Structures are given as structure tokens and as C-alpha cells.
Amino acid sequence: MDKDVSAGSTTSTLGHLALGLTLLAFGIGHTEVIDGVTALDAAVLATFVGGVALFVAGLFAFRDSDAFTGTAFAALGALWFTWGLTADVKASANAAGLFLLLFALVTLSLTLGAPGGAALARGTYGLLFVALVLIAVARFGDSAGLAKAGGWFAAVGGLLAWYAATAAFAHWPTALPGRGRPAGQGVTATG
């Protein structure tokens, strides 16, 4: 494995921790793999950790002139804050599905717009996109199976975000093998 390590900023690390914990709780709740734990149980965590902390991390990223991270964290903070506050509100299944589908479009933009070297971020946003689409379709069609599948995608996305934050703290590798190094005749690896 390539040993390139991206230390990341404190803001990015905090944001990825908040996103990771929220996605794990949201995903595990939808999978219902833990008896008695549902997605609704993640609402408080989503409101404060995923919503408030992530939004504030986005504002700090904007202050640091990091437009992509600021946009990502502020937009996802708004998603989690809104979802957390309205998770137990009686809305139609179609309204809930539409809300999730609209935020899936936001995460698709984040996936496609992530900087080239941000494979972990791109993976996290991509997994969240798939999770939101699956859960939205599950709401439209009243499919518990699709909701559980979406929950698994969200949980894996949460683990990826958590790894990105932990890797920054622990100076673990974050680059994929073979990426970021030129190849060809006359090229030698150093270090």
C-alpha cells in the first residue's frame, strides 16, 4: 500500500468524524441489525453531531478558504439537522422520499466535485448518495428491504468517513496503491 498520508486540517478531521458517526448511526438504524435500534433513534445524534457540528465545521472550512469542504460540510450539516428535527414528524412517505432524493442530488454533486486526491471523501459521498437513493425509493415504494440495503451503504460510508478522520490523526495511509506516483521508463521510487 502506498504510504502517502494526508494529515488534513483540524476542520476536515472534525467534519469527517461528525459525518462518520452520524452515517453509522443512520445506517445501522436503517439496517435494524441491533434489536430495538431504528433510524429514528439516530435523530438526536443527527441533529447535533451531524447537523450542528458538521455545519460549524463547514463554516470554519469556508474561513480557511476551503470552498469544497465548506460546501460539503455545510450542506450535509443542513441535511442532518433537518432530518434530525423532522424524523418523527408525520409526513407522507412520498414527502420523505422526495426530501431524501433531493439531498441525494447534493451528495452526487459532492461525489463528482471532490478533489482528485480525495478518494476517501469521494467514496464517502458516493456511498451516501447510493444510500439516500435506496432509502428514498424505499419510502416511495414502502420497501423495508431497500431501506435496509440503503442503511448498509450509509454504514459503510460512515466507516469510510471515520477512517479518513482517524487516518489524519494517526498518520495512516490514505492513498490507494499505485496512485499519485508516475510510472514509466526511468522512474525510480525513493524513500
C-alpha atoms as a PDB file:
ATOM      1  CA  MET A   1       0.000   0.000   0.000  1.00  0.00           C
ATOM      2  CA  ASP A   2       1.171   3.487  -0.785  1.00  0.00           C
ATOM      3  CA  LYS A   3       2.359   5.235   2.357  1.00  0.00           C
ATOM      4  CA  ASP A   4       1.214   8.728   1.319  1.00  0.00           C
ATOM      5  CA  VAL A   5      -0.570  10.289   4.233  1.00  0.00           C
ATOM      6  CA  SER A   6      -2.826  13.291   4.105  1.00  0.00           C
ATOM      7  CA  ALA A   7      -2.765  14.922   7.500  1.00  0.00           C
ATOM      8  CA  GLY A   8      -5.787  17.038   6.661  1.00  0.00           C
ATOM      9  CA  SER A   9      -6.884  20.091   8.564  1.00  0.00           C
ATOM     10  CA  THR A  10      -8.419  20.008  12.016  1.00  0.00           C
ATOM     11  CA  THR A  11     -11.658  21.239  10.448  1.00  0.00           C
ATOM     12  CA  SER A  12     -11.685  18.412   7.913  1.00  0.00           C
ATOM     13  CA  THR A  13     -10.903  15.853  10.600  1.00  0.00           C
ATOM     14  CA  LEU A  14     -13.698  17.111  12.865  1.00  0.00           C
ATOM     15  CA  GLY A  15     -16.113  17.136   9.952  1.00  0.00           C
ATOM     16  CA  HIS A  16     -15.262  13.605   8.906  1.00  0.00           C
ATOM     17  CA  LEU A  17     -15.666  12.371  12.490  1.00  0.00           C
ATOM     18  CA  ALA A  18     -19.083  14.031  12.748  1.00  0.00           C
ATOM     19  CA  LEU A  19     -20.132  12.700   9.354  1.00  0.00           C
ATOM     20  CA  GLY A  20     -18.812   9.220  10.145  1.00  0.00           C
ATOM     21  CA  LEU A  21     -20.646   8.919  13.464  1.00  0.00           C
ATOM     22  CA  THR A  22     -23.875  10.256  12.014  1.00  0.00           C
ATOM     23  CA  LEU A  23     -23.753   7.992   8.967  1.00  0.00           C
ATOM     24  CA  LEU A  24     -23.008   4.968  11.139  1.00  0.00           C
ATOM     25  CA  ALA A  25     -25.953   5.691  13.425  1.00  0.00           C
ATOM     26  CA  PHE A  26     -28.286   6.483  10.500  1.00  0.00           C
ATOM     27  CA  GLY A  27     -27.153   3.394   8.583  1.00  0.00           C
ATOM     28  CA  ILE A  28     -27.249   0.960  11.483  1.00  0.00           C
ATOM     29  CA  GLY A  29     -30.684   2.284  12.396  1.00  0.00           C
ATOM     30  CA  HIS A  30     -31.982   1.565   8.896  1.00  0.00           C
ATOM     31  CA  THR A  31     -30.476  -1.930   8.833  1.00  0.00           C
ATOM     32  CA  GLU A  32     -32.120  -2.731  12.182  1.00  0.00           C
ATOM     33  CA  VAL A  33     -29.197  -5.098  12.806  1.00  0.00           C
ATOM     34  CA  ILE A  34     -29.260  -4.147  16.507  1.00  0.00           C
ATOM     35  CA  ASP A  35     -32.501  -5.202  18.140  1.00  0.00           C
ATOM     36  CA  GLY A  36     -34.668  -2.241  19.051  1.00  0.00           C
ATOM     37  CA  VAL A  37     -32.481   0.366  17.292  1.00  0.00           C
ATOM     38  CA  THR A  38     -34.114   2.165  14.383  1.00  0.00           C
ATOM     39  CA  ALA A  39     -33.194   5.106  12.192  1.00  0.00           C
ATOM     40  CA  LEU A  40     -35.421   7.295  14.363  1.00  0.00           C
ATOM     41  CA  ASP A  41     -33.079   6.577  17.292  1.00  0.00           C
ATOM     42  CA  ALA A  42     -30.293   8.357  15.384  1.00  0.00           C
ATOM     43  CA  ALA A  43     -32.280  11.619  15.207  1.00  0.00           C
ATOM     44  CA  VAL A  44     -30.674  13.300  18.240  1.00  0.00           C
ATOM     45  CA  LEU A  45     -27.174  12.404  17.083  1.00  0.00           C
ATOM     46  CA  ALA A  46     -28.055  13.564  13.570  1.00  0.00           C
ATOM     47  CA  THR A  47     -29.356  16.892  14.863  1.00  0.00           C
ATOM     48  CA  PHE A  48     -26.406  17.886  16.997  1.00  0.00           C
ATOM     49  CA  VAL A  49     -23.360  15.953  15.759  1.00  0.00           C
ATOM     50  CA  GLY A  50     -24.311  15.598  12.109  1.00  0.00           C
ATOM     51  CA  GLY A  51     -26.221  18.864  11.915  1.00  0.00           C
ATOM     52  CA  VAL A  52     -24.736  21.477  14.187  1.00  0.00           C
ATOM     53  CA  ALA A  53     -21.126  20.228  14.438  1.00  0.00           C
ATOM     54  CA  LEU A  54     -20.879  19.480  10.712  1.00  0.00           C
ATOM     55  CA  PHE A  55     -22.388  22.841   9.753  1.00  0.00           C
ATOM     56  CA  VAL A  56     -19.964  24.686  12.066  1.00  0.00           C
ATOM     57  CA  ALA A  57     -17.060  22.670  10.583  1.00  0.00           C
ATOM     58  CA  GLY A  58     -18.261  23.840   7.165  1.00  0.00           C
ATOM     59  CA  LEU A  59     -18.173  27.470   8.294  1.00  0.00           C
ATOM     60  CA  PHE A  60     -14.633  27.024   9.598  1.00  0.00           C
ATOM     61  CA  ALA A  61     -13.617  25.452   6.287  1.00  0.00           C
ATOM     62  CA  PHE A  62     -15.002  28.495   4.441  1.00  0.00           C
ATOM     63  CA  ARG A  63     -12.994  30.708   6.815  1.00  0.00           C
ATOM     64  CA  ASP A  64      -9.898  28.697   5.858  1.00  0.00           C
ATOM     65  CA  SER A  65     -10.706  29.295   2.143  1.00  0.00           C
ATOM     66  CA  ASP A  66     -11.556  25.624   1.552  1.00  0.00           C
ATOM     67  CA  ALA A  67     -14.652  26.066  -0.602  1.00  0.00           C
ATOM     68  CA  PHE A  68     -15.265  22.387  -1.362  1.00  0.00           C
ATOM     69  CA  THR A  69     -15.038  21.190   2.256  1.00  0.00           C
ATOM     70  CA  GLY A  70     -17.060  24.184   3.433  1.00  0.00           C
ATOM     71  CA  THR A  71     -19.789  23.479   0.903  1.00  0.00           C
ATOM     72  CA  ALA A  72     -19.797  19.741   1.668  1.00  0.00           C
ATOM     73  CA  PHE A  73     -19.949  20.079   5.443  1.00  0.00           C
ATOM     74  CA  ALA A  74     -22.438  22.981   5.478  1.00  0.00           C
ATOM     75  CA  ALA A  75     -24.779  21.219   3.033  1.00  0.00           C
ATOM     76  CA  LEU A  76     -24.568  17.895   4.869  1.00  0.00           C
ATOM     77  CA  GLY A  77     -24.972  19.699   8.191  1.00  0.00           C
ATOM     78  CA  ALA A  78     -28.217  21.168   6.855  1.00  0.00           C
ATOM     79  CA  LEU A  79     -29.322  17.701   5.716  1.00  0.00           C
ATOM     80  CA  TRP A  80     -28.690  16.063   9.083  1.00  0.00           C
ATOM     81  CA  PHE A  81     -30.117  18.958  11.096  1.00  0.00           C
ATOM     82  CA  THR A  82     -33.311  18.961   9.048  1.00  0.00           C
ATOM     83  CA  TRP A  83     -33.625  15.176   9.078  1.00  0.00           C
ATOM     84  CA  GLY A  84     -32.941  15.011  12.805  1.00  0.00           C
ATOM     85  CA  LEU A  85     -35.548  17.627  13.659  1.00  0.00           C
ATOM     86  CA  THR A  86     -38.206  16.139  11.397  1.00  0.00           C
ATOM     87  CA  ALA A  87     -37.513  12.415  11.759  1.00  0.00           C
ATOM     88  CA  ASP A  88     -40.549  11.853  13.963  1.00  0.00           C
ATOM     89  CA  VAL A  89     -42.826  14.359  12.194  1.00  0.00           C
ATOM     90  CA  LYS A  90     -45.794  12.761  10.479  1.00  0.00           C
ATOM     91  CA  ALA A  91     -45.119  13.376   6.793  1.00  0.00           C
ATOM     92  CA  SER A  92     -46.197  11.309   3.831  1.00  0.00           C
ATOM     93  CA  ALA A  93     -43.837   8.596   2.625  1.00  0.00           C
ATOM     94  CA  ASN A  94     -43.592  10.425  -0.691  1.00  0.00           C
ATOM     95  CA  ALA A  95     -42.593  13.677   1.020  1.00  0.00           C
ATOM     96  CA  ALA A  96     -39.885  11.870   2.997  1.00  0.00           C
ATOM     97  CA  GLY A  97     -38.698  10.123  -0.167  1.00  0.00           C
ATOM     98  CA  LEU A  98     -38.544  13.418  -2.052  1.00  0.00           C
ATOM     99  CA  PHE A  99     -36.515  15.033   0.763  1.00  0.00           C
ATOM    100  CA  LEU A 100     -34.001  12.176   0.659  1.00  0.00           C
ATOM    101  CA  LEU A 101     -33.886  12.210  -3.138  1.00  0.00           C
ATOM    102  CA  LEU A 102     -33.162  15.946  -3.210  1.00  0.00           C
ATOM    103  CA  PHE A 103     -30.283  15.514  -0.789  1.00  0.00           C
ATOM    104  CA  ALA A 104     -29.084  12.562  -2.858  1.00  0.00           C
ATOM    105  CA  LEU A 105     -28.594  15.081  -5.668  1.00  0.00           C
ATOM    106  CA  VAL A 106     -26.490  17.214  -3.325  1.00  0.00           C
ATOM    107  CA  THR A 107     -24.323  14.208  -2.441  1.00  0.00           C
ATOM    108  CA  LEU A 108     -23.997  13.326  -6.139  1.00  0.00           C
ATOM    109  CA  SER A 109     -22.611  16.832  -6.726  1.00  0.00           C
ATOM    110  CA  LEU A 110     -20.195  16.332  -3.828  1.00  0.00           C
ATOM    111  CA  THR A 111     -19.115  12.952  -5.191  1.00  0.00           C
ATOM    112  CA  LEU A 112     -18.429  14.321  -8.654  1.00  0.00           C
ATOM    113  CA  GLY A 113     -16.842  17.532  -7.361  1.00  0.00           C
ATOM    114  CA  ALA A 114     -14.490  16.032  -4.778  1.00  0.00           C
ATOM    115  CA  PRO A 115     -10.856  16.909  -5.452  1.00  0.00           C
ATOM    116  CA  GLY A 116      -8.916  14.232  -7.346  1.00  0.00           C
ATOM    117  CA  GLY A 117      -6.755  13.242  -4.381  1.00  0.00           C
ATOM    118  CA  ALA A 118      -9.702  12.884  -2.024  1.00  0.00           C
ATOM    119  CA  ALA A 119     -10.551   9.234  -2.695  1.00  0.00           C
ATOM    120  CA  LEU A 120     -11.899   8.678   0.830  1.00  0.00           C
ATOM    121  CA  ALA A 121     -14.169  11.719   0.616  1.00  0.00           C
ATOM    122  CA  ARG A 122     -15.358  10.742  -2.862  1.00  0.00           C
ATOM    123  CA  GLY A 123     -16.069   7.214  -1.599  1.00  0.00           C
ATOM    124  CA  THR A 124     -17.951   8.501   1.453  1.00  0.00           C
ATOM    125  CA  TYR A 125     -20.106  10.856  -0.597  1.00  0.00           C
ATOM    126  CA  GLY A 126     -20.696   8.187  -3.239  1.00  0.00           C
ATOM    127  CA  LEU A 127     -21.856   5.667  -0.648  1.00  0.00           C
ATOM    128  CA  LEU A 128     -24.101   8.286   0.948  1.00  0.00           C
ATOM    129  CA  PHE A 129     -25.570   9.045  -2.495  1.00  0.00           C
ATOM    130  CA  VAL A 130     -26.437   5.377  -3.057  1.00  0.00           C
ATOM    131  CA  ALA A 131     -27.837   5.098   0.488  1.00  0.00           C
ATOM    132  CA  LEU A 132     -30.086   8.122   0.068  1.00  0.00           C
ATOM    133  CA  VAL A 133     -31.367   6.952  -3.318  1.00  0.00           C
ATOM    134  CA  LEU A 134     -32.143   3.474  -1.963  1.00  0.00           C
ATOM    135  CA  ILE A 135     -33.874   4.807   1.136  1.00  0.00           C
ATOM    136  CA  ALA A 136     -35.816   7.368  -0.931  1.00  0.00           C
ATOM    137  CA  VAL A 137     -37.021   4.662  -3.319  1.00  0.00           C
ATOM    138  CA  ALA A 138     -37.866   2.517  -0.281  1.00  0.00           C
ATOM    139  CA  ARG A 139     -40.044   5.344   1.038  1.00  0.00           C
ATOM    140  CA  PHE A 140     -41.783   5.775  -2.327  1.00  0.00           C
ATOM    141  CA  GLY A 141     -42.443   2.038  -2.643  1.00  0.00           C
ATOM    142  CA  ASP A 142     -42.753   1.053   1.021  1.00  0.00           C
ATOM    143  CA  SER A 143     -39.867  -1.428   0.771  1.00  0.00           C
ATOM    144  CA  ALA A 144     -38.169  -2.411   4.030  1.00  0.00           C
ATOM    145  CA  GLY A 145     -35.595  -4.415   2.061  1.00  0.00           C
ATOM    146  CA  LEU A 146     -34.418  -1.386   0.070  1.00  0.00           C
ATOM    147  CA  ALA A 147     -34.281   0.693   3.252  1.00  0.00           C
ATOM    148  CA  LYS A 148     -32.051  -1.930   4.883  1.00  0.00           C
ATOM    149  CA  ALA A 149     -29.793  -2.046   1.802  1.00  0.00           C
ATOM    150  CA  GLY A 150     -29.548   1.749   1.932  1.00  0.00           C
ATOM    151  CA  GLY A 151     -28.698   1.506   5.606  1.00  0.00           C
ATOM    152  CA  TRP A 152     -25.765  -0.769   4.839  1.00  0.00           C
ATOM    153  CA  PHE A 153     -24.433   1.688   2.239  1.00  0.00           C
ATOM    154  CA  ALA A 154     -24.755   4.510   4.791  1.00  0.00           C
ATOM    155  CA  ALA A 155     -22.979   2.479   7.487  1.00  0.00           C
ATOM    156  CA  VAL A 156     -20.060   1.642   5.175  1.00  0.00           C
ATOM    157  CA  GLY A 157     -19.893   5.327   4.174  1.00  0.00           C
ATOM    158  CA  GLY A 158     -19.748   6.184   7.877  1.00  0.00           C
ATOM    159  CA  LEU A 159     -16.858   3.778   8.395  1.00  0.00           C
ATOM    160  CA  LEU A 160     -15.035   5.358   5.449  1.00  0.00           C
ATOM    161  CA  ALA A 161     -15.520   8.872   6.865  1.00  0.00           C
ATOM    162  CA  TRP A 162     -14.412   7.659  10.293  1.00  0.00           C
ATOM    163  CA  TYR A 163     -11.288   6.085   8.737  1.00  0.00           C
ATOM    164  CA  ALA A 164     -10.465   9.351   6.939  1.00  0.00           C
ATOM    165  CA  ALA A 165     -10.593  11.249  10.244  1.00  0.00           C
ATOM    166  CA  THR A 166      -8.675   8.614  12.177  1.00  0.00           C
ATOM    167  CA  ALA A 167      -6.053   8.345   9.434  1.00  0.00           C
ATOM    168  CA  ALA A 168      -5.429  12.076   9.723  1.00  0.00           C
ATOM    169  CA  PHE A 169      -4.867  11.757  13.481  1.00  0.00           C
ATOM    170  CA  ALA A 170      -2.811   8.578  13.341  1.00  0.00           C
ATOM    171  CA  HIS A 171      -0.919   9.404  10.140  1.00  0.00           C
ATOM    172  CA  TRP A 172      -2.208   6.265   8.458  1.00  0.00           C
ATOM    173  CA  PRO A 173      -2.114   5.822   4.685  1.00  0.00           C
ATOM    174  CA  THR A 174      -4.966   7.371   2.757  1.00  0.00           C
ATOM    175  CA  ALA A 175      -3.817   6.959  -0.849  1.00  0.00           C
ATOM    176  CA  LEU A 176      -4.777   3.965  -2.919  1.00  0.00           C
ATOM    177  CA  PRO A 177      -1.955   1.661  -4.067  1.00  0.00           C
ATOM    178  CA  GLY A 178      -0.226   2.865  -7.211  1.00  0.00           C
ATOM    179  CA  ARG A 179      -1.936   6.260  -7.238  1.00  0.00           C
ATOM    180  CA  GLY A 180      -0.068   9.504  -7.264  1.00  0.00           C
ATOM    181  CA  ARG A 181       3.226   8.109  -8.495  1.00  0.00           C
ATOM    182  CA  PRO A 182       4.428   8.476 -12.047  1.00  0.00           C
ATOM    183  CA  ALA A 183       5.120   5.276 -13.923  1.00  0.00           C
ATOM    184  CA  GLY A 184       7.267   4.589 -16.894  1.00  0.00           C
ATOM    185  CA  GLN A 185      10.813   4.000 -18.005  1.00  0.00           C
ATOM    186  CA  GLY A 186      13.489   5.677 -15.917  1.00  0.00           C
ATOM    187  CA  VAL A 187      11.268   6.366 -12.940  1.00  0.00           C
ATOM    188  CA  THR A 188      12.573   5.207  -9.594  1.00  0.00           C
ATOM    189  CA  ALA A 189      10.870   5.218  -6.251  1.00  0.00           C
ATOM    190  CA  THR A 190      12.621   6.887  -3.370  1.00  0.00           C
ATOM    191  CA  GLY A 191      12.041   6.582   0.337  1.00  0.00           C
END
